Each structure stands twice: as C-alpha cells, then as structure tokens.
Amino acid sequence: MNDAPRTPDSCRLALPSEAERLAAIQRRSWEQQFPGDVARSILGHLDLATMTQSWETAIARPPLAKLRVLVAVEDGRPVGFAAVGPSDDPDADPAADGLVGEFIIDPPAQNQGHGSRLLNAVADTLRADSFSRATWWVRSNDDRLRALLESSGWAADGAHQAVGTDEDAAPVKMLRFHTALA
C-alpha cells in the first residue's frame, strides 16, 4: 500500500520539461476532437518532436510577454493545458482582449473537474495580466465545451469562421465566445 500523500489536483504555469507531455496530449485530443480527415491532415504535417519544440519555446521563451501556458495537474503530472495571451483578432484591442488560444484536457482525464479548474485558472491569469475581456474560438459542434463555457458566464458574440487545412479536409466551423473578466 502506498502511504505517500496524494498531491491535490491543481493548475499552475507549465514547465519546459513538460512540453513533450503537452504535445502528446494535444495529439490525442485532436484525434478525438476533429473529423478523421482533418485530424489526419493536421497530424500528418506535424510530428511529436516539432510539436514538443513549439510548446517548449512557448513555455520557456514565449514570443509575447503576456503569453502563458497553464497546466491542469493530477498526481503531479499534467493532464491538460491552456495557452492564453493577447487576442490577435482583427476587431480586438490587444491591451484589453485576452484570447484562449488552446484548451485541452487529455481524453482519459476528462469529466474529473480538471476543465473547470483550468477554466478558472485561465480567467484568473488573464485578469492578472490586465485583460478586461476574454475571447475563445470554439468548434461549433463541441457541445460539451460550449455547455461548460455557457455555464461559466461565456456567450457567443456572433463572430464565426471556417478553418481548413487543405482542399481535401472539410473546414471546421468555429464560433467566438467571450466573457468579461472585471
């Protein structure tokens, strides 16, 4: 029997040494989230090593001062993550509008409260970085995420877009959600 105390589930800033785990979580999530042709197209162009290097750079040497990578932690290991920073939407005020650029809970760790904890950490982090509003592009058919956001005070703001990877993959319809952080 293991008598070691269990580390409480929490959220914190990501460490560079966790980049490979984040890349693996992202790959598993994309395989689950996107239609098969879209997932194959995206993952066929990105290998684990390239994704790991991108996350390591984002964590250790972010291109923007207010870019943050947060992790949801269970038993001391990341089970999800979010990347947040200034919004780059054409109608955004980058000083006031924060953006949730990525938000993923590892499929085996879903429905255990990590998403809610990470969502609260995202809002707290954006607020601490002086953003007054947050936006987030969400797949139009992601009913689970949309329900979580709506129950947490987020709402669609009417903006939408279709994102595609190439001519062979069907475009993914995205809706923009927003919330006040004040």
Protein backbone atom coordinates (compact mmCIF):
# COMPACT_ATOMS: atom_id res chain seq x y z
CA MET A 1 0.00 0.00 0.00
CA ASN A 2 1.28 3.46 -0.88
CA ASP A 3 1.11 5.77 2.15
CA ALA A 4 2.59 8.77 0.34
CA PRO A 5 0.30 11.79 0.47
CA ARG A 6 -1.55 12.47 -2.76
CA THR A 7 -0.78 15.79 -4.43
CA PRO A 8 -4.04 17.73 -4.78
CA ASP A 9 -5.31 18.37 -8.30
CA SER A 10 -4.43 21.93 -9.28
CA CYS A 11 -3.42 24.31 -12.06
CA ARG A 12 -0.14 26.16 -12.49
CA LEU A 13 2.23 27.54 -15.11
CA ALA A 14 3.73 24.86 -17.35
CA LEU A 15 7.38 23.84 -17.09
CA PRO A 16 9.61 23.45 -20.18
CA SER A 17 10.26 19.82 -19.18
CA GLU A 18 6.52 19.14 -19.67
CA ALA A 19 6.48 20.17 -23.34
CA GLU A 20 6.55 16.62 -24.72
CA ARG A 21 3.64 15.58 -22.49
CA LEU A 22 1.63 18.60 -23.66
CA ALA A 23 2.34 17.76 -27.30
CA ALA A 24 1.22 14.15 -26.75
CA ILE A 25 -1.98 15.32 -25.01
CA GLN A 26 -2.64 17.73 -27.88
CA ARG A 27 -2.22 14.97 -30.49
CA ARG A 28 -4.60 12.61 -28.62
CA SER A 29 -7.12 15.39 -28.23
CA TRP A 30 -7.01 16.40 -31.90
CA GLU A 31 -7.55 12.78 -32.91
CA GLN A 32 -10.68 12.77 -30.74
CA GLN A 33 -11.95 16.30 -31.48
CA PHE A 34 -11.64 16.64 -35.23
CA PRO A 35 -13.18 14.67 -38.06
CA GLY A 36 -10.82 11.92 -39.26
CA ASP A 37 -9.76 13.71 -42.44
CA VAL A 38 -8.98 16.94 -40.60
CA ALA A 39 -7.04 15.16 -37.83
CA ARG A 40 -5.03 13.14 -40.36
CA SER A 41 -4.25 16.27 -42.37
CA ILE A 42 -3.08 18.26 -39.34
CA LEU A 43 -1.16 15.46 -37.64
CA GLY A 44 0.35 14.31 -40.94
CA HIS A 45 2.15 17.65 -41.17
CA LEU A 46 3.22 17.86 -37.51
CA ASP A 47 5.31 15.26 -35.75
CA LEU A 48 5.63 14.93 -31.99
CA ALA A 49 9.16 16.37 -31.95
CA THR A 50 8.09 19.53 -33.79
CA MET A 51 5.08 20.00 -31.52
CA THR A 52 7.25 19.42 -28.44
CA GLN A 53 9.72 22.09 -29.60
CA SER A 54 6.88 24.55 -30.19
CA TRP A 55 5.50 24.02 -26.68
CA GLU A 56 8.95 24.22 -25.11
CA THR A 57 9.51 27.57 -26.83
CA ALA A 58 6.06 28.86 -25.84
CA ILE A 59 6.75 27.94 -22.22
CA ALA A 60 10.42 28.94 -21.87
CA ARG A 61 10.71 31.79 -24.40
CA PRO A 62 7.22 33.00 -25.27
CA PRO A 63 7.08 35.35 -28.27
CA LEU A 64 4.87 37.75 -26.29
CA ALA A 65 5.32 38.94 -22.70
CA LYS A 66 1.73 38.04 -21.80
CA LEU A 67 1.63 34.60 -23.42
CA ARG A 68 1.12 31.96 -20.74
CA VAL A 69 0.86 28.18 -20.84
CA LEU A 70 -1.06 26.74 -17.89
CA VAL A 71 -1.39 23.09 -16.93
CA ALA A 72 -4.04 21.14 -15.07
CA VAL A 73 -2.18 18.74 -12.79
CA GLU A 74 -3.23 15.38 -11.33
CA ASP A 75 -0.84 13.49 -9.05
CA GLY A 76 1.95 15.88 -10.04
CA ARG A 77 1.64 15.36 -13.81
CA PRO A 78 -0.12 17.47 -16.47
CA VAL A 79 -3.46 16.13 -17.67
CA GLY A 80 -4.48 19.23 -19.60
CA PHE A 81 -3.31 22.65 -20.60
CA ALA A 82 -4.31 26.06 -21.90
CA ALA A 83 -2.43 28.74 -23.82
CA VAL A 84 -3.58 32.31 -23.24
CA GLY A 85 -2.42 35.75 -24.29
CA PRO A 86 -3.47 38.90 -26.12
CA SER A 87 -6.14 38.46 -28.78
CA ASP A 88 -4.98 38.76 -32.37
CA ASP A 89 -8.49 39.05 -33.82
CA PRO A 90 -8.78 41.99 -36.23
CA ASP A 91 -11.55 43.60 -34.14
CA ALA A 92 -9.74 43.10 -30.81
CA ASP A 93 -7.94 45.56 -28.59
CA PRO A 94 -4.80 43.54 -27.70
CA ALA A 95 -4.36 45.56 -24.50
CA ALA A 96 -7.89 44.75 -23.25
CA ASP A 97 -8.84 41.49 -25.00
CA GLY A 98 -7.23 38.23 -23.97
CA LEU A 99 -7.54 35.05 -26.05
CA VAL A 100 -7.73 31.41 -25.08
CA GLY A 101 -5.69 30.01 -27.95
CA GLU A 102 -5.69 26.38 -26.85
CA PHE A 103 -7.53 24.50 -24.11
CA ILE A 104 -7.23 20.74 -23.87
CA ILE A 105 -7.94 18.13 -21.24
CA ASP A 106 -6.43 14.72 -22.02
CA PRO A 107 -9.31 12.46 -23.12
CA PRO A 108 -8.70 9.88 -20.33
CA ALA A 109 -8.74 12.68 -17.71
CA GLN A 110 -11.97 14.34 -18.84
CA ASN A 111 -15.02 14.64 -16.57
CA GLN A 112 -12.92 14.80 -13.41
CA GLY A 113 -13.06 18.56 -12.73
CA HIS A 114 -9.81 19.46 -14.49
CA GLY A 115 -11.59 21.53 -17.15
CA SER A 116 -13.40 23.66 -14.59
CA ARG A 117 -10.21 24.23 -12.59
CA LEU A 118 -8.28 25.12 -15.73
CA LEU A 119 -11.04 27.46 -16.92
CA ASN A 120 -10.87 29.32 -13.58
CA ALA A 121 -7.06 29.50 -13.83
CA VAL A 122 -7.38 30.89 -17.37
CA ALA A 123 -9.71 33.67 -16.19
CA ASP A 124 -7.51 34.46 -13.18
CA THR A 125 -4.37 34.59 -15.34
CA LEU A 126 -5.91 36.83 -18.00
CA ARG A 127 -7.31 39.11 -15.28
CA ALA A 128 -3.87 39.28 -13.58
CA ASP A 129 -2.39 40.30 -16.94
CA SER A 130 -4.84 43.27 -17.01
CA PHE A 131 -7.19 41.96 -19.70
CA SER A 132 -10.81 43.02 -19.20
CA ARG A 133 -12.37 40.64 -21.72
CA ALA A 134 -11.53 37.14 -22.93
CA THR A 135 -12.39 35.53 -26.25
CA TRP A 136 -12.18 31.93 -27.42
CA TRP A 137 -12.77 30.30 -30.81
CA VAL A 138 -14.77 27.10 -30.24
CA ARG A 139 -15.79 24.40 -32.73
CA SER A 140 -19.49 24.87 -33.48
CA ASN A 141 -20.21 21.20 -32.79
CA ASP A 142 -18.32 20.97 -29.47
CA ASP A 143 -21.46 20.86 -27.34
CA ARG A 144 -19.59 19.78 -24.19
CA LEU A 145 -17.18 22.74 -24.25
CA ARG A 146 -19.91 25.18 -25.24
CA ALA A 147 -22.04 23.99 -22.28
CA LEU A 148 -19.09 24.43 -19.88
CA LEU A 149 -18.45 27.93 -21.18
CA GLU A 150 -22.10 28.99 -21.08
CA SER A 151 -22.49 27.68 -17.51
CA SER A 152 -19.41 29.76 -16.59
CA GLY A 153 -20.73 33.05 -17.99
CA TRP A 154 -19.33 32.91 -21.53
CA ALA A 155 -21.55 33.55 -24.56
CA ALA A 156 -21.22 33.52 -28.33
CA ASP A 157 -20.62 37.04 -29.63
CA GLY A 158 -21.83 36.45 -33.21
CA ALA A 159 -18.41 36.12 -34.85
CA HIS A 160 -17.77 32.92 -36.79
CA GLN A 161 -15.25 31.46 -39.21
CA ALA A 162 -14.43 28.27 -41.08
CA VAL A 163 -10.95 26.84 -40.63
CA GLY A 164 -9.49 24.30 -43.02
CA THR A 165 -6.13 22.70 -43.54
CA ASP A 166 -6.27 21.88 -47.24
CA GLU A 167 -8.67 21.15 -50.08
CA ASP A 168 -9.21 17.52 -49.02
CA ALA A 169 -10.34 18.22 -45.45
CA ALA A 170 -13.75 19.65 -44.66
CA PRO A 171 -13.50 23.08 -42.99
CA VAL A 172 -14.22 23.24 -39.28
CA LYS A 173 -16.84 25.81 -38.30
CA MET A 174 -15.80 27.98 -35.35
CA LEU A 175 -17.83 30.33 -33.14
CA ARG A 176 -16.24 33.02 -30.99
CA PHE A 177 -17.21 33.10 -27.32
CA HIS A 178 -16.44 35.96 -24.96
CA THR A 179 -16.71 36.92 -21.31
CA ALA A 180 -15.98 39.95 -19.17
CA LEU A 181 -13.10 39.49 -16.72
CA ALA A 182 -13.72 42.51 -14.48
